[in-house]
C-alpha atoms as a PDB file:
ATOM      1  CA  MET A   1      34.415 126.699 156.893  1.00  0.00           C
ATOM      2  CA  ALA A   2      36.872 125.432 154.283  1.00  0.00           C
ATOM      3  CA  LYS A   3      37.129 127.254 150.990  1.00  0.00           C
ATOM      4  CA  SER A   4      35.771 125.444 147.943  1.00  0.00           C
ATOM      5  CA  PRO A   5      38.201 123.565 145.650  1.00  0.00           C
ATOM      6  CA  GLU A   6      37.511 126.043 142.850  1.00  0.00           C
ATOM      7  CA  THR A   7      38.212 129.209 144.859  1.00  0.00           C
ATOM      8  CA  GLU A   8      41.036 128.220 147.217  1.00  0.00           C
ATOM      9  CA  HIS A   9      43.971 129.531 145.179  1.00  0.00           C
ATOM     10  CA  PRO A  10      44.918 130.338 141.576  1.00  0.00           C
ATOM     11  CA  VAL A  11      47.513 127.517 141.478  1.00  0.00           C
ATOM     12  CA  LYS A  12      45.602 124.832 139.630  1.00  0.00           C
ATOM     13  CA  ALA A  13      45.989 121.122 140.317  1.00  0.00           C
ATOM     14  CA  PHE A  14      44.465 117.957 138.957  1.00  0.00           C
ATOM     15  CA  GLY A  15      43.873 114.511 140.404  1.00  0.00           C
ATOM     16  CA  TRP A  16      41.271 111.860 141.091  1.00  0.00           C
ATOM     17  CA  ALA A  17      38.744 112.238 143.893  1.00  0.00           C
ATOM     18  CA  ALA A  18      35.848 110.455 145.562  1.00  0.00           C
ATOM     19  CA  ARG A  19      32.701 112.603 145.695  1.00  0.00           C
ATOM     20  CA  ASP A  20      30.680 110.480 148.124  1.00  0.00           C
ATOM     21  CA  ALA A  21      30.714 107.291 150.202  1.00  0.00           C
ATOM     22  CA  SER A  22      30.390 105.115 147.109  1.00  0.00           C
ATOM     23  CA  GLY A  23      34.155 105.531 146.978  1.00  0.00           C
ATOM     24  CA  VAL A  24      34.230 105.833 143.200  1.00  0.00           C
ATOM     25  CA  LEU A  25      37.178 107.952 142.086  1.00  0.00           C
ATOM     26  CA  SER A  26      37.073 110.194 139.031  1.00  0.00           C
ATOM     27  CA  PRO A  27      39.041 113.115 137.527  1.00  0.00           C
ATOM     28  CA  PHE A  28      38.946 116.248 139.664  1.00  0.00           C
ATOM     29  CA  SER A  29      40.220 119.790 139.089  1.00  0.00           C
ATOM     30  CA  PHE A  30      41.109 121.814 142.174  1.00  0.00           C
ATOM     31  CA  SER A  31      43.903 124.069 143.446  1.00  0.00           C
ATOM     32  CA  ARG A  32      46.760 123.745 145.875  1.00  0.00           C
ATOM     33  CA  ARG A  33      47.418 126.221 148.650  1.00  0.00           C
ATOM     34  CA  GLU A  34      49.850 129.039 148.069  1.00  0.00           C
ATOM     35  CA  MET A  35      53.562 128.503 148.655  1.00  0.00           C
ATOM     36  CA  GLY A  36      55.033 129.919 151.857  1.00  0.00           C
ATOM     37  CA  GLU A  37      58.662 130.626 152.612  1.00  0.00           C
ATOM     38  CA  GLU A  38      59.079 127.262 154.374  1.00  0.00           C
ATOM     39  CA  ASP A  39      57.127 125.242 151.795  1.00  0.00           C
ATOM     40  CA  VAL A  40      58.154 122.800 149.086  1.00  0.00           C
ATOM     41  CA  ARG A  41      56.184 122.157 145.896  1.00  0.00           C
ATOM     42  CA  PHE A  42      56.861 118.948 144.016  1.00  0.00           C
ATOM     43  CA  LYS A  43      55.590 117.027 141.020  1.00  0.00           C
ATOM     44  CA  VAL A  44      54.028 113.748 142.107  1.00  0.00           C
ATOM     45  CA  LEU A  45      55.562 110.760 140.331  1.00  0.00           C
ATOM     46  CA  TYR A  46      54.248 107.798 142.331  1.00  0.00           C
ATOM     47  CA  CYS A  47      51.697 107.257 145.086  1.00  0.00           C
ATOM     48  CA  GLY A  48      50.975 104.067 146.989  1.00  0.00           C
ATOM     49  CA  ILE A  49      47.451 102.815 147.665  1.00  0.00           C
ATOM     50  CA  CYS A  50      46.975 102.084 151.363  1.00  0.00           C
ATOM     51  CA  HIS A  51      44.045 100.161 152.849  1.00  0.00           C
ATOM     52  CA  SER A  52      43.180 103.290 154.832  1.00  0.00           C
ATOM     53  CA  ASP A  53      42.649 105.094 151.501  1.00  0.00           C
ATOM     54  CA  LEU A  54      39.934 102.542 150.796  1.00  0.00           C
ATOM     55  CA  HIS A  55      38.387 103.087 154.246  1.00  0.00           C
ATOM     56  CA  ASN A  56      38.435 106.856 153.761  1.00  0.00           C
ATOM     57  CA  ILE A  57      36.969 107.076 150.261  1.00  0.00           C
ATOM     58  CA  ARG A  58      34.084 104.913 151.477  1.00  0.00           C
ATOM     59  CA  SER A  59      33.793 106.777 154.809  1.00  0.00           C
ATOM     60  CA  ASP A  60      34.062 103.508 156.720  1.00  0.00           C
ATOM     61  CA  TRP A  61      35.198 105.467 159.779  1.00  0.00           C
ATOM     62  CA  GLY A  62      32.520 108.153 159.370  1.00  0.00           C
ATOM     63  CA  MET A  63      34.989 111.045 159.188  1.00  0.00           C
ATOM     64  CA  SER A  64      35.448 111.609 155.462  1.00  0.00           C
ATOM     65  CA  LYS A  65      34.990 115.034 153.863  1.00  0.00           C
ATOM     66  CA  TYR A  66      34.197 115.156 150.151  1.00  0.00           C
ATOM     67  CA  PRO A  67      35.496 115.722 147.570  1.00  0.00           C
ATOM     68  CA  LEU A  68      38.375 113.600 148.809  1.00  0.00           C
ATOM     69  CA  VAL A  69      41.680 113.128 146.974  1.00  0.00           C
ATOM     70  CA  PRO A  70      43.394 110.169 148.708  1.00  0.00           C
ATOM     71  CA  GLY A  71      47.041 109.197 148.819  1.00  0.00           C
ATOM     72  CA  HIS A  72      49.559 109.404 151.675  1.00  0.00           C
ATOM     73  CA  GLU A  73      52.527 107.478 150.271  1.00  0.00           C
ATOM     74  CA  VAL A  74      53.696 110.176 147.879  1.00  0.00           C
ATOM     75  CA  VAL A  75      57.037 110.588 146.117  1.00  0.00           C
ATOM     76  CA  GLY A  76      58.163 112.994 143.446  1.00  0.00           C
ATOM     77  CA  VAL A  77      60.637 115.643 142.324  1.00  0.00           C
ATOM     78  CA  VAL A  78      60.925 119.166 143.767  1.00  0.00           C
ATOM     79  CA  MET A  79      59.769 121.962 141.440  1.00  0.00           C
ATOM     80  CA  GLU A  80      59.883 124.969 143.791  1.00  0.00           C
ATOM     81  CA  VAL A  81      61.121 125.813 147.293  1.00  0.00           C
ATOM     82  CA  GLY A  82      60.368 128.698 149.644  1.00  0.00           C
ATOM     83  CA  SER A  83      63.025 131.238 150.567  1.00  0.00           C
ATOM     84  CA  LYS A  84      63.716 129.644 153.980  1.00  0.00           C
ATOM     85  CA  VAL A  85      63.854 126.015 152.823  1.00  0.00           C
ATOM     86  CA  LYS A  86      67.224 124.402 153.587  1.00  0.00           C
ATOM     87  CA  LYS A  87      66.629 120.653 153.522  1.00  0.00           C
ATOM     88  CA  VAL A  88      65.939 120.160 149.803  1.00  0.00           C
ATOM     89  CA  LYS A  89      66.406 121.986 146.504  1.00  0.00           C
ATOM     90  CA  VAL A  90      64.777 122.016 143.072  1.00  0.00           C
ATOM     91  CA  GLY A  91      65.390 118.696 141.319  1.00  0.00           C
ATOM     92  CA  ASP A  92      65.662 116.606 144.504  1.00  0.00           C
ATOM     93  CA  ASN A  93      63.547 113.503 144.969  1.00  0.00           C
ATOM     94  CA  VAL A  94      61.345 113.689 148.052  1.00  0.00           C
ATOM     95  CA  GLY A  95      58.517 111.915 149.835  1.00  0.00           C
ATOM     96  CA  VAL A  96      55.528 112.874 151.980  1.00  0.00           C
ATOM     97  CA  GLY A  97      53.589 110.475 154.172  1.00  0.00           C
ATOM     98  CA  CYS A  98      50.486 110.882 156.297  1.00  0.00           C
ATOM     99  CA  MET A  99      51.332 114.188 158.000  1.00  0.00           C
ATOM    100  CA  VAL A 100      51.489 117.759 156.708  1.00  0.00           C
ATOM    101  CA  GLY A 101      51.148 119.742 159.944  1.00  0.00           C
ATOM    102  CA  SER A 102      51.446 119.709 163.751  1.00  0.00           C
ATOM    103  CA  CYS A 103      51.559 122.249 166.565  1.00  0.00           C
ATOM    104  CA  HIS A 104      55.360 122.020 167.146  1.00  0.00           C
ATOM    105  CA  SER A 105      54.794 122.964 170.811  1.00  0.00           C
ATOM    106  CA  CYS A 106      53.226 119.984 172.607  1.00  0.00           C
ATOM    107  CA  ASP A 107      55.127 117.259 174.448  1.00  0.00           C
ATOM    108  CA  CYS A 108      54.775 114.858 171.511  1.00  0.00           C
ATOM    109  CA  CYS A 109      56.186 117.356 169.011  1.00  0.00           C
ATOM    110  CA  ALA A 110      59.028 118.140 171.425  1.00  0.00           C
ATOM    111  CA  GLU A 111      59.948 114.447 171.344  1.00  0.00           C
ATOM    112  CA  ASP A 112      59.838 114.257 167.515  1.00  0.00           C
ATOM    113  CA  LEU A 113      56.538 112.370 167.700  1.00  0.00           C
ATOM    114  CA  GLU A 114      54.461 114.684 165.516  1.00  0.00           C
ATOM    115  CA  ASN A 115      52.311 111.689 164.597  1.00  0.00           C
ATOM    116  CA  TYR A 116      50.797 111.809 168.100  1.00  0.00           C
ATOM    117  CA  CYS A 117      50.308 115.576 168.209  1.00  0.00           C
ATOM    118  CA  PRO A 118      46.668 116.320 169.152  1.00  0.00           C
ATOM    119  CA  ARG A 119      46.637 118.968 166.408  1.00  0.00           C
ATOM    120  CA  MET A 120      48.337 116.882 163.744  1.00  0.00           C
ATOM    121  CA  LEU A 121      47.089 117.601 160.199  1.00  0.00           C
ATOM    122  CA  VAL A 122      46.851 114.771 157.695  1.00  0.00           C
ATOM    123  CA  ILE A 123      47.677 114.957 154.019  1.00  0.00           C
ATOM    124  CA  TYR A 124      44.036 114.704 152.959  1.00  0.00           C
ATOM    125  CA  GLY A 125      40.799 115.579 154.717  1.00  0.00           C
ATOM    126  CA  SER A 126      42.221 118.183 157.117  1.00  0.00           C
ATOM    127  CA  ILE A 127      41.573 121.922 157.165  1.00  0.00           C
ATOM    128  CA  TYR A 128      44.970 123.577 156.781  1.00  0.00           C
ATOM    129  CA  TYR A 129      46.047 126.704 158.679  1.00  0.00           C
ATOM    130  CA  ASP A 130      44.907 128.970 155.812  1.00  0.00           C
ATOM    131  CA  GLN A 131      41.450 127.298 155.910  1.00  0.00           C
ATOM    132  CA  THR A 132      42.011 125.320 152.709  1.00  0.00           C
ATOM    133  CA  MET A 133      41.296 121.608 152.490  1.00  0.00           C
ATOM    134  CA  THR A 134      44.239 119.219 152.230  1.00  0.00           C
ATOM    135  CA  TYR A 135      44.292 116.846 149.267  1.00  0.00           C
ATOM    136  CA  GLY A 136      46.453 113.753 148.858  1.00  0.00           C
ATOM    137  CA  GLY A 137      48.820 112.264 146.346  1.00  0.00           C
ATOM    138  CA  TYR A 138      46.447 110.931 143.689  1.00  0.00           C
ATOM    139  CA  SER A 139      47.241 114.218 141.959  1.00  0.00           C
ATOM    140  CA  ASP A 140      49.811 115.951 139.787  1.00  0.00           C
ATOM    141  CA  SER A 141      51.517 118.081 142.450  1.00  0.00           C
ATOM    142  CA  LEU A 142      51.700 118.691 146.161  1.00  0.00           C
ATOM    143  CA  VAL A 143      52.684 121.574 148.458  1.00  0.00           C
ATOM    144  CA  CYS A 144      54.065 120.683 151.882  1.00  0.00           C
ATOM    145  CA  ALA A 145      55.953 122.355 154.711  1.00  0.00           C
ATOM    146  CA  GLU A 146      59.653 121.475 154.628  1.00  0.00           C
ATOM    147  CA  HIS A 147      59.424 119.910 158.093  1.00  0.00           C
ATOM    148  CA  PHE A 148      57.187 117.123 156.754  1.00  0.00           C
ATOM    149  CA  ILE A 149      59.282 116.396 153.664  1.00  0.00           C
ATOM    150  CA  VAL A 150      61.398 113.220 153.580  1.00  0.00           C
ATOM    151  CA  GLN A 151      64.713 113.373 151.732  1.00  0.00           C
ATOM    152  CA  TRP A 152      64.770 110.419 149.354  1.00  0.00           C
ATOM    153  CA  PRO A 153      67.832 108.125 149.330  1.00  0.00           C
ATOM    154  CA  ALA A 154      69.518 107.963 145.918  1.00  0.00           C
ATOM    155  CA  ASN A 155      69.511 104.147 145.811  1.00  0.00           C
ATOM    156  CA  LEU A 156      65.856 103.648 146.830  1.00  0.00           C
ATOM    157  CA  PRO A 157      63.535 103.359 143.800  1.00  0.00           C
ATOM    158  CA  LEU A 158      60.715 105.899 143.866  1.00  0.00           C
ATOM    159  CA  ASP A 159      57.986 103.474 142.811  1.00  0.00           C
ATOM    160  CA  ALA A 160      59.005 100.548 145.007  1.00  0.00           C
ATOM    161  CA  GLY A 161      59.808 102.817 147.938  1.00  0.00           C
ATOM    162  CA  ALA A 162      56.625 104.885 148.012  1.00  0.00           C
ATOM    163  CA  PRO A 163      54.653 102.423 150.210  1.00  0.00           C
ATOM    164  CA  LEU A 164      57.307 102.736 152.906  1.00  0.00           C
ATOM    165  CA  LEU A 165      55.920 106.173 153.796  1.00  0.00           C
ATOM    166  CA  CYS A 166      52.997 104.421 155.487  1.00  0.00           C
ATOM    167  CA  ALA A 167      53.420 100.637 155.370  1.00  0.00           C
ATOM    168  CA  GLY A 168      57.110 100.929 156.139  1.00  0.00           C
ATOM    169  CA  ILE A 169      57.023 103.367 159.031  1.00  0.00           C
ATOM    170  CA  THR A 170      53.938 101.657 160.508  1.00  0.00           C
ATOM    171  CA  THR A 171      55.852  98.394 160.940  1.00  0.00           C
ATOM    172  CA  TYR A 172      59.426  99.648 161.419  1.00  0.00           C
ATOM    173  CA  ILE A 173      58.671 101.752 164.503  1.00  0.00           C
ATOM    174  CA  PRO A 174      56.895  99.114 166.663  1.00  0.00           C
ATOM    175  CA  LEU A 175      59.683  96.646 165.914  1.00  0.00           C
ATOM    176  CA  LYS A 176      62.191  99.172 167.252  1.00  0.00           C
ATOM    177  CA  TYR A 177      60.137 100.640 170.099  1.00  0.00           C
ATOM    178  CA  PHE A 178      59.187  97.268 171.588  1.00  0.00           C
ATOM    179  CA  GLY A 179      62.723  95.879 171.364  1.00  0.00           C
ATOM    180  CA  LEU A 180      62.054  93.466 168.519  1.00  0.00           C
ATOM    181  CA  ASP A 181      64.919  94.826 166.423  1.00  0.00           C
ATOM    182  CA  LYS A 182      67.534  92.605 168.077  1.00  0.00           C
ATOM    183  CA  PRO A 183      69.140  89.544 166.465  1.00  0.00           C
ATOM    184  CA  GLY A 184      67.605  86.339 167.730  1.00  0.00           C
ATOM    185  CA  LYS A 185      64.251  87.797 168.782  1.00  0.00           C
ATOM    186  CA  HIS A 186      61.267  85.728 167.662  1.00  0.00           C
ATOM    187  CA  VAL A 187      58.738  87.996 165.939  1.00  0.00           C
ATOM    188  CA  GLY A 188      55.293  86.995 164.764  1.00  0.00           C
ATOM    189  CA  VAL A 189      53.711  88.889 161.879  1.00  0.00           C
ATOM    190  CA  VAL A 190      49.948  88.570 161.499  1.00  0.00           C
ATOM    191  CA  GLY A 191      48.776  89.063 157.916  1.00  0.00           C
ATOM    192  CA  LEU A 192      50.868  89.062 154.750  1.00  0.00           C
ATOM    193  CA  GLY A 193      49.449  92.035 152.899  1.00  0.00           C
ATOM    194  CA  GLY A 194      50.799  95.524 152.292  1.00  0.00           C
ATOM    195  CA  LEU A 195      51.894  96.011 155.909  1.00  0.00           C
ATOM    196  CA  GLY A 196      52.724  92.436 156.780  1.00  0.00           C
ATOM    197  CA  HIS A 197      55.201  91.711 154.020  1.00  0.00           C
ATOM    198  CA  VAL A 198      57.155  94.886 154.866  1.00  0.00           C
ATOM    199  CA  ALA A 199      57.141  93.902 158.555  1.00  0.00           C
ATOM    200  CA  VAL A 200      58.719  90.573 157.598  1.00  0.00           C
ATOM    201  CA  LYS A 201      61.433  92.325 155.592  1.00  0.00           C
ATOM    202  CA  PHE A 202      62.277  94.773 158.370  1.00  0.00           C
ATOM    203  CA  ALA A 203      62.300  92.077 161.050  1.00  0.00           C
ATOM    204  CA  LYS A 204      64.621  89.897 158.979  1.00  0.00           C
ATOM    205  CA  ALA A 205      66.901  92.876 158.313  1.00  0.00           C
ATOM    206  CA  PHE A 206      67.127  93.346 162.091  1.00  0.00           C
ATOM    207  CA  GLY A 207      68.216  89.723 162.432  1.00  0.00           C
ATOM    208  CA  ALA A 208      65.033  88.397 164.020  1.00  0.00           C
ATOM    209  CA  LYS A 209      63.469  84.990 163.613  1.00  0.00           C
ATOM    210  CA  VAL A 210      60.128  85.571 161.876  1.00  0.00           C
ATOM    211  CA  THR A 211      56.936  83.546 161.889  1.00  0.00           C
ATOM    212  CA  VAL A 212      54.099  84.606 159.592  1.00  0.00           C
ATOM    213  CA  ILE A 213      50.589  83.986 160.955  1.00  0.00           C
ATOM    214  CA  SER A 214      47.916  83.912 158.259  1.00  0.00           C
ATOM    215  CA  THR A 215      44.479  82.552 157.436  1.00  0.00           C
ATOM    216  CA  SER A 216      45.750  81.600 153.946  1.00  0.00           C
ATOM    217  CA  PRO A 217      47.807  78.377 153.744  1.00  0.00           C
ATOM    218  CA  ASN A 218      48.660  79.188 150.118  1.00  0.00           C
ATOM    219  CA  LYS A 219      50.851  82.084 151.292  1.00  0.00           C
ATOM    220  CA  LYS A 220      53.318  79.794 153.062  1.00  0.00           C
ATOM    221  CA  LYS A 221      55.628  79.278 150.096  1.00  0.00           C
ATOM    222  CA  GLU A 222      55.727  82.997 149.349  1.00  0.00           C
ATOM    223  CA  ALA A 223      56.396  83.890 152.977  1.00  0.00           C
ATOM    224  CA  ILE A 224      59.280  81.485 153.412  1.00  0.00           C
ATOM    225  CA  GLU A 225      60.874  81.239 149.958  1.00  0.00           C
ATOM    226  CA  HIS A 226      60.421  84.813 148.736  1.00  0.00           C
ATOM    227  CA  LEU A 227      60.257  86.972 151.874  1.00  0.00           C
ATOM    228  CA  GLY A 228      62.607  84.897 154.018  1.00  0.00           C
ATOM    229  CA  ALA A 229      60.289  84.091 156.922  1.00  0.00           C
ATOM    230  CA  ASP A 230      61.516  81.228 159.094  1.00  0.00           C
ATOM    231  CA  SER A 231      58.154  79.573 159.705  1.00  0.00           C
ATOM    232  CA  PHE A 232      54.450  79.871 158.949  1.00  0.00           C
ATOM    233  CA  LEU A 233      51.331  79.287 161.026  1.00  0.00           C
ATOM    234  CA  VAL A 234      47.805  78.883 159.699  1.00  0.00           C
ATOM    235  CA  SER A 235      45.825  80.798 162.300  1.00  0.00           C
ATOM    236  CA  HIS A 236      42.764  78.547 162.185  1.00  0.00           C
ATOM    237  CA  ASP A 237      44.832  75.355 162.542  1.00  0.00           C
ATOM    238  CA  GLN A 238      44.559  74.689 166.280  1.00  0.00           C
ATOM    239  CA  ASP A 239      47.344  72.103 166.294  1.00  0.00           C
ATOM    240  CA  GLN A 240      49.823  74.479 164.688  1.00  0.00           C
ATOM    241  CA  MET A 241      48.859  77.337 166.973  1.00  0.00           C
ATOM    242  CA  GLN A 242      48.983  75.136 170.077  1.00  0.00           C
ATOM    243  CA  ALA A 243      52.470  73.912 169.166  1.00  0.00           C
ATOM    244  CA  ALA A 244      53.698  77.520 169.008  1.00  0.00           C
ATOM    245  CA  THR A 245      52.211  78.583 172.370  1.00  0.00           C
ATOM    246  CA  GLY A 246      54.516  80.816 174.395  1.00  0.00           C
ATOM    247  CA  THR A 247      57.289  81.011 171.792  1.00  0.00           C
ATOM    248  CA  MET A 248      57.218  84.631 170.554  1.00  0.00           C
ATOM    249  CA  ASP A 249      58.956  87.712 171.928  1.00  0.00           C
ATOM    250  CA  GLY A 250      56.449  89.957 170.186  1.00  0.00           C
ATOM    251  CA  ILE A 251      53.824  90.055 167.460  1.00  0.00           C
ATOM    252  CA  ILE A 252      53.062  92.753 164.903  1.00  0.00           C
ATOM    253  CA  ASP A 253      49.393  92.422 163.961  1.00  0.00           C
ATOM    254  CA  THR A 254      48.742  94.146 160.619  1.00  0.00           C
ATOM    255  CA  VAL A 255      45.200  92.928 159.945  1.00  0.00           C
ATOM    256  CA  SER A 256      42.497  95.560 159.389  1.00  0.00           C
ATOM    257  CA  ALA A 257      39.570  93.123 159.584  1.00  0.00           C
ATOM    258  CA  ASP A 258      37.834  91.568 162.576  1.00  0.00           C
ATOM    259  CA  HIS A 259      39.852  88.599 163.887  1.00  0.00           C
ATOM    260  CA  PRO A 260      40.243  86.772 167.228  1.00  0.00           C
ATOM    261  CA  MET A 261      42.839  88.033 169.721  1.00  0.00           C
ATOM    262  CA  PRO A 262      43.102  85.161 172.289  1.00  0.00           C
ATOM    263  CA  PRO A 263      44.976  82.730 169.975  1.00  0.00           C
ATOM    264  CA  LEU A 264      47.550  85.433 169.233  1.00  0.00           C
ATOM    265  CA  ILE A 265      48.018  86.348 172.882  1.00  0.00           C
ATOM    266  CA  ASP A 266      48.634  82.659 173.642  1.00  0.00           C
ATOM    267  CA  LEU A 267      51.615  82.713 171.252  1.00  0.00           C
ATOM    268  CA  LEU A 268      53.424  85.317 173.371  1.00  0.00           C
ATOM    269  CA  LYS A 269      56.104  84.554 175.903  1.00  0.00           C
ATOM    270  CA  CYS A 270      55.704  86.003 179.390  1.00  0.00           C
ATOM    271  CA  GLN A 271      56.027  89.810 179.417  1.00  0.00           C
ATOM    272  CA  ALA A 272      55.806  89.971 175.606  1.00  0.00           C
ATOM    273  CA  THR A 273      53.707  92.351 173.534  1.00  0.00           C
ATOM    274  CA  LEU A 274      51.102  92.064 170.797  1.00  0.00           C
ATOM    275  CA  VAL A 275      51.226  95.307 168.793  1.00  0.00           C
ATOM    276  CA  LEU A 276      48.184  96.277 166.740  1.00  0.00           C
ATOM    277  CA  VAL A 277      48.912  98.432 163.687  1.00  0.00           C
ATOM    278  CA  GLY A 278      45.823  97.658 161.604  1.00  0.00           C
ATOM    279  CA  ALA A 279      42.538  99.518 162.055  1.00  0.00           C
ATOM    280  CA  PRO A 280      39.504  97.181 161.946  1.00  0.00           C
ATOM    281  CA  ASN A 281      36.057  98.728 161.500  1.00  0.00           C
ATOM    282  CA  LYS A 282      34.752  97.004 164.638  1.00  0.00           C
ATOM    283  CA  PRO A 283      36.201  96.819 168.171  1.00  0.00           C
ATOM    284  CA  LEU A 284      38.249  93.713 168.908  1.00  0.00           C
ATOM    285  CA  GLU A 285      37.488  91.537 171.935  1.00  0.00           C
ATOM    286  CA  ILE A 286      40.377  90.868 174.321  1.00  0.00           C
ATOM    287  CA  GLU A 287      40.261  88.479 177.277  1.00  0.00           C
ATOM    288  CA  LEU A 288      42.044  89.808 180.364  1.00  0.00           C
ATOM    289  CA  VAL A 289      43.006  86.585 182.142  1.00  0.00           C
ATOM    290  CA  PRO A 290      45.657  85.532 179.572  1.00  0.00           C
ATOM    291  CA  LEU A 291      47.197  89.001 179.909  1.00  0.00           C
ATOM    292  CA  LEU A 292      47.204  88.841 183.704  1.00  0.00           C
ATOM    293  CA  MET A 293      48.715  85.371 183.864  1.00  0.00           C
ATOM    294  CA  GLY A 294      51.723  86.264 181.739  1.00  0.00           C
ATOM    295  CA  ARG A 295      52.119  90.009 182.312  1.00  0.00           C
ATOM    296  CA  LYS A 296      51.489  90.324 178.605  1.00  0.00           C
ATOM    297  CA  THR A 297      50.673  93.557 176.818  1.00  0.00           C
ATOM    298  CA  VAL A 298      48.410  94.529 173.955  1.00  0.00           C
ATOM    299  CA  ALA A 299      49.603  97.806 172.463  1.00  0.00           C
ATOM    300  CA  GLY A 300      48.955 100.038 169.480  1.00  0.00           C
ATOM    301  CA  SER A 301      51.240 101.981 167.180  1.00  0.00           C
ATOM    302  CA  CYS A 302      50.516 104.510 164.438  1.00  0.00           C
ATOM    303  CA  ILE A 303      53.088 105.558 161.795  1.00  0.00           C
ATOM    304  CA  GLY A 304      56.028 107.567 163.214  1.00  0.00           C
ATOM    305  CA  GLY A 305      57.500 111.023 163.618  1.00  0.00           C
ATOM    306  CA  MET A 306      59.469 112.763 160.895  1.00  0.00           C
ATOM    307  CA  LYS A 307      62.870 111.931 162.394  1.00  0.00           C
ATOM    308  CA  GLU A 308      61.815 108.289 162.609  1.00  0.00           C
ATOM    309  CA  THR A 309      60.473 108.306 159.050  1.00  0.00           C
ATOM    310  CA  GLN A 310      63.731 109.619 157.631  1.00  0.00           C
ATOM    311  CA  GLU A 311      65.615 106.974 159.621  1.00  0.00           C
ATOM    312  CA  MET A 312      63.295 104.297 158.244  1.00  0.00           C
ATOM    313  CA  VAL A 313      63.723 105.170 154.537  1.00  0.00           C
ATOM    314  CA  ASP A 314      67.496 105.365 154.997  1.00  0.00           C
ATOM    315  CA  PHE A 315      67.449 101.914 156.636  1.00  0.00           C
ATOM    316  CA  ALA A 316      65.245 100.554 153.833  1.00  0.00           C
ATOM    317  CA  ALA A 317      67.644 101.889 151.209  1.00  0.00           C
ATOM    318  CA  LYS A 318      70.592 100.261 152.983  1.00  0.00           C
ATOM    319  CA  HIS A 319      68.829  96.896 153.239  1.00  0.00           C
ATOM    320  CA  ASN A 320      67.017  96.949 149.875  1.00  0.00           C
ATOM    321  CA  ILE A 321      63.535  96.903 151.403  1.00  0.00           C
ATOM    322  CA  LYS A 322      60.769  97.845 148.969  1.00  0.00           C
ATOM    323  CA  ALA A 323      57.339  96.771 147.717  1.00  0.00           C
ATOM    324  CA  ASP A 324      55.051  97.558 144.807  1.00  0.00           C
ATOM    325  CA  GLU A 325      52.717  96.597 141.946  1.00  0.00           C
ATOM    326  CA  VAL A 326      52.702  99.607 139.620  1.00  0.00           C
ATOM    327  CA  ILE A 327      49.403 100.554 137.976  1.00  0.00           C
ATOM    328  CA  PRO A 328      48.148 103.406 135.752  1.00  0.00           C
ATOM    329  CA  MET A 329      45.903 106.105 137.202  1.00  0.00           C
ATOM    330  CA  ASP A 330      42.806 104.976 135.290  1.00  0.00           C
ATOM    331  CA  TYR A 331      43.065 101.536 136.909  1.00  0.00           C
ATOM    332  CA  VAL A 332      42.584 102.960 140.404  1.00  0.00           C
ATOM    333  CA  ASN A 333      38.913 101.974 140.888  1.00  0.00           C
ATOM    334  CA  THR A 334      39.658  98.398 139.851  1.00  0.00           C
ATOM    335  CA  ALA A 335      42.630  98.425 142.204  1.00  0.00           C
ATOM    336  CA  MET A 336      40.384  99.515 145.079  1.00  0.00           C
ATOM    337  CA  GLU A 337      37.965  96.667 144.378  1.00  0.00           C
ATOM    338  CA  ARG A 338      40.853  94.202 144.282  1.00  0.00           C
ATOM    339  CA  LEU A 339      42.225  95.649 147.516  1.00  0.00           C
ATOM    340  CA  ALA A 340      38.838  95.176 149.193  1.00  0.00           C
ATOM    341  CA  LYS A 341      38.984  91.492 148.194  1.00  0.00           C
ATOM    342  CA  GLY A 342      42.594  91.048 149.276  1.00  0.00           C
ATOM    343  CA  ASP A 343      43.629  90.531 145.645  1.00  0.00           C
ATOM    344  CA  VAL A 344      46.930  92.418 145.666  1.00  0.00           C
ATOM    345  CA  LYS A 345      50.544  91.393 146.093  1.00  0.00           C
ATOM    346  CA  TYR A 346      51.404  93.387 148.068  1.00  0.00           C
ATOM    347  CA  ARG A 347      50.882  97.069 147.459  1.00  0.00           C
ATOM    348  CA  PHE A 348      49.471  98.946 144.490  1.00  0.00           C
ATOM    349  CA  VAL A 349      51.500 101.992 143.469  1.00  0.00           C
ATOM    350  CA  ILE A 350      50.043 104.480 141.000  1.00  0.00           C
ATOM    351  CA  ASP A 351      52.366 105.740 138.267  1.00  0.00           C
ATOM    352  CA  VAL A 352      51.001 109.264 138.610  1.00  0.00           C
ATOM    353  CA  GLY A 353      53.735 111.036 136.685  1.00  0.00           C
ATOM    354  CA  SER A 354      53.279 109.049 133.476  1.00  0.00           C
ATOM    355  CA  THR A 355      49.582 108.123 133.499  1.00  0.00           C
ATOM    356  CA  LEU A 356      47.613 111.014 135.084  1.00  0.00           C
ATOM    357  CA  LYS A 357      45.923 112.698 132.151  1.00  0.00           C
ATOM    358  CA  THR A 358      44.146 116.060 132.436  1.00  0.00           C
ATOM    359  CA  SER A 359      41.827 115.367 129.505  1.00  0.00           C
END
C-alpha cells in the first residue's frame, strides 16, 4: 500500500494533478521522496506534454492511479546531489524521461535496455522502492536516481529539447536498431504530430530519404518545406499509395489512433519493417499474407535505455533537432483538449519554472 501524498515525506512539493478519469488537472500539494546518497534533486524548468500523458490522466489504458501528476519529458537545474553522485553537480542542467527505476540485474538491464526491464519503474504512477508513489514533471521539483538522469548538452535549449526525452528517443532508436540510419535509405513516417515530426528530423539527419504518410493533405507544405521531407503521401489517396508500393526500406508508424495496416505494409520493400511506436487504444488488424509474401516484419519499439537516451540528446544537440510550443502551467487543461483534437504543432511544453504558482 502506497503512502498518502500528505504523509510520504516532509519535503514538500507542488504541481498539477488529475484526481479521476475526467482527466482534469488542478493544483496539488504533495511531497517528494527523501534524498538518498545516489539521488539527484532538481528544480523543474520545462516539461513536455506527451499524448500518453493524455491517455494516463483519462485512464484510457485502465491502469491509472490517482492522484496522478503527469509529465515524463522533464528538464531542469540540479539543486542537490547525494554523497555518491558523480555524473552531475549542483547547477547542472539535466533531464529525466519515462524511467526512474529498474532491477539492474536482468538480461535487459545488463544490455543497457532498462526500458524493457520487467521491473522498470516509471516517473509517475509507480510505487517506488520506499513504497511512495512516483509523480511526474508537472511539478516544481523532482528527485531521481543518478542512473536515470540525462546530462544536458550545453547547446540544446531546455524548452525545445524537453520533448526529446520521449518523442525523441521513441523515434531515434527504431531508426538505428532497424538499420534506417544509413544515407540513402528510404524511410516512411506515418503521422506528423509530436513523434512524427521528430522522426522526420532524425531520419534526415541520418541522410535518409523521407516520405511522410498522413491523412491530412494540408500538412504537405509543412512536411516538405519546413521539416525537409522528400515526399508526401495522403494515406487515403489510393492512387498515391499504389504508386509508392514496394518503395520503402522501413516505416516508423507514430499514430496512436486506430488506422489500417495493410496499405502501409504494401509500401514496404521485401524484407523491410514497419515499426509501431504509437499506442492505439484498440488492437490493430494485420493481414498475414502480405507479410508472408515479402518476408516483411511488423515490429514494436518503446523509448530506449539510458545509454541510448544520452546518445540521442547528444546527437540532437549536434544536429539542432528540437521541437516545442511553450505554454504556461494554467493553460494545461486547454492544451490537453487541443491535443485530443490534434490541434498542436507539434509538442506542447509547459514553462513550469516561470508559470507554476503555489497560490
